[in-house]
Structure formats: C-alpha cells, structure tokens
Amino acid sequence: MQEPVIRKLFLAFIQVHILHHAKKEPIYGTWMIDELKKHGYEISAGTIYPIFHNMEKDGLLSRESVTVEGKIRKYYTITEKGCDVLNLAEQKIKELGSEIGR
C-alpha cells in the first residue's frame, strides 16, 4: 500500500539512508536503489534522482560527474550541512526508538 501519507513518511527514511551511505562513501543512483531494496523500499530511477537533486539543492549532498565505461555517472557525497542534519536525525531516531520500545 503506497498511500500518499505512507509515501511521505518513507521519503524521510529514504533520505536518512541516503545521507548515511553518502557519509561512508560516494553513492550513485542504481547502487542506492539496490541498497534501499535490501531494506524493503521499492524505488525507481525516476524517484531516486529527484530526491538526490532536491537534497543537493538543499545543500545536503554534493555531486561529481565521472565517466565510467564511456557513460557519465553522478556520484553524491554528503556535505557538512548534510552531516549536521544526519547527526540530528540519528539523535531523534534514537529518542523515538527508545520511546516506542517502552
């Protein structure tokens, strides 16, 4: 079931996943789609790239284009602002998890 309210909630979770992985190493669309699939998210390229672009526009990610096997691949890494947002999200997630677990 992909009700709009569920989709909106999961979008926030997806963005936290993206920041987490972009902090560890540069990421790109198809890799992130596969990673999210491991966590039960079914997301397409038509969805992931607008998310990347919005996060870049918001200053959370930076992008670098690299030619790989004759094709341009866009790699995304976390910015300082993205790190700050991820740290805050982690604190809030831990707090919520503790509250829900009671």
Protein backbone atom coordinates (compact mmCIF):
# COMPACT_ATOMS: atom_id res chain seq x y z
CA MET A 1 0.00 0.00 0.00
CA GLN A 2 1.53 3.31 -1.09
CA GLU A 3 -0.87 5.84 0.34
CA PRO A 4 0.44 9.41 -0.01
CA VAL A 5 0.93 9.73 3.75
CA ILE A 6 2.96 6.49 3.90
CA ARG A 7 4.98 7.56 0.86
CA LYS A 8 5.76 10.91 2.50
CA LEU A 9 6.86 9.22 5.73
CA PHE A 10 9.07 6.70 3.91
CA LEU A 11 10.64 9.53 1.88
CA ALA A 12 12.13 10.87 5.12
CA PHE A 13 13.52 7.41 5.97
CA ILE A 14 14.98 7.12 2.46
CA GLN A 15 16.69 10.50 2.83
CA VAL A 16 18.28 9.39 6.10
CA HIS A 17 19.52 6.20 4.37
CA ILE A 18 20.98 8.32 1.57
CA LEU A 19 22.80 10.63 3.98
CA HIS A 20 24.11 7.66 5.98
CA HIS A 21 25.59 5.96 2.92
CA ALA A 22 26.84 9.20 1.33
CA LYS A 23 28.79 9.82 4.53
CA LYS A 24 30.54 6.44 4.23
CA GLU A 25 31.44 6.73 0.53
CA PRO A 26 30.26 8.39 -2.70
CA ILE A 27 26.99 6.85 -3.92
CA TYR A 28 25.12 6.76 -7.21
CA GLY A 29 21.55 6.06 -8.24
CA THR A 30 21.46 2.38 -9.20
CA TRP A 31 23.63 1.42 -6.23
CA MET A 32 21.30 3.32 -3.88
CA ILE A 33 18.21 1.74 -5.46
CA ASP A 34 19.70 -1.72 -4.82
CA GLU A 35 20.69 -0.78 -1.26
CA LEU A 36 17.21 0.53 -0.47
CA LYS A 37 15.67 -2.64 -1.91
CA LYS A 38 17.57 -4.61 0.78
CA HIS A 39 15.58 -2.61 3.34
CA GLY A 40 12.22 -3.21 1.68
CA TYR A 41 11.94 0.03 -0.32
CA GLU A 42 10.88 -0.31 -3.96
CA ILE A 43 12.10 2.86 -5.63
CA SER A 44 12.78 3.67 -9.28
CA ALA A 45 15.38 5.84 -11.01
CA GLY A 46 12.55 8.28 -11.74
CA THR A 47 12.14 8.71 -7.99
CA ILE A 48 15.72 8.49 -6.67
CA TYR A 49 17.24 11.14 -8.92
CA PRO A 50 14.72 13.86 -8.00
CA ILE A 51 15.44 13.02 -4.34
CA PHE A 52 19.19 13.39 -4.99
CA HIS A 53 18.63 16.68 -6.83
CA ASN A 54 16.46 18.10 -4.04
CA MET A 55 18.97 17.05 -1.40
CA GLU A 56 21.74 18.66 -3.46
CA LYS A 57 19.67 21.83 -3.85
CA ASP A 58 19.14 21.86 -0.07
CA GLY A 59 22.91 21.66 0.46
CA LEU A 60 22.88 18.14 1.94
CA LEU A 61 24.73 16.42 -0.91
CA SER A 62 27.35 17.44 -3.43
CA ARG A 63 27.65 15.87 -6.88
CA GLU A 64 30.59 14.88 -9.04
CA SER A 65 30.22 13.54 -12.58
CA VAL A 66 32.67 10.78 -13.54
CA THR A 67 32.96 8.87 -16.82
CA VAL A 68 32.62 5.13 -16.18
CA GLU A 69 32.84 2.75 -19.15
CA GLY A 70 32.04 5.60 -21.54
CA LYS A 71 28.99 6.79 -19.57
CA ILE A 72 28.70 9.68 -17.16
CA ARG A 73 27.88 8.56 -13.62
CA LYS A 74 26.88 11.10 -10.98
CA TYR A 75 28.36 10.38 -7.57
CA TYR A 76 26.91 12.05 -4.49
CA THR A 77 28.70 12.70 -1.21
CA ILE A 78 27.46 14.23 2.00
CA THR A 79 28.23 17.88 2.76
CA GLU A 80 28.98 19.45 6.13
CA LYS A 81 25.35 20.56 6.35
CA GLY A 82 24.29 17.01 5.43
CA CYS A 83 26.43 15.66 8.29
CA ASP A 84 24.78 18.06 10.72
CA VAL A 85 21.32 17.01 9.53
CA LEU A 86 22.26 13.31 9.73
CA ASN A 87 23.58 13.72 13.28
CA LEU A 88 20.36 15.42 14.35
CA ALA A 89 18.26 12.74 12.61
CA GLU A 90 20.23 9.99 14.37
CA GLN A 91 19.56 11.62 17.76
CA LYS A 92 15.84 11.94 17.02
CA ILE A 93 15.63 8.36 15.72
CA LYS A 94 17.29 7.01 18.87
CA GLU A 95 14.95 9.08 21.05
CA LEU A 96 11.89 7.87 19.14
CA GLY A 97 13.09 4.27 19.17
CA SER A 98 13.50 4.43 22.92
CA GLU A 99 10.04 5.89 23.33
CA ILE A 100 8.36 3.38 21.01
CA GLY A 101 10.16 0.49 22.71
CA ARG A 102 8.62 1.26 26.08
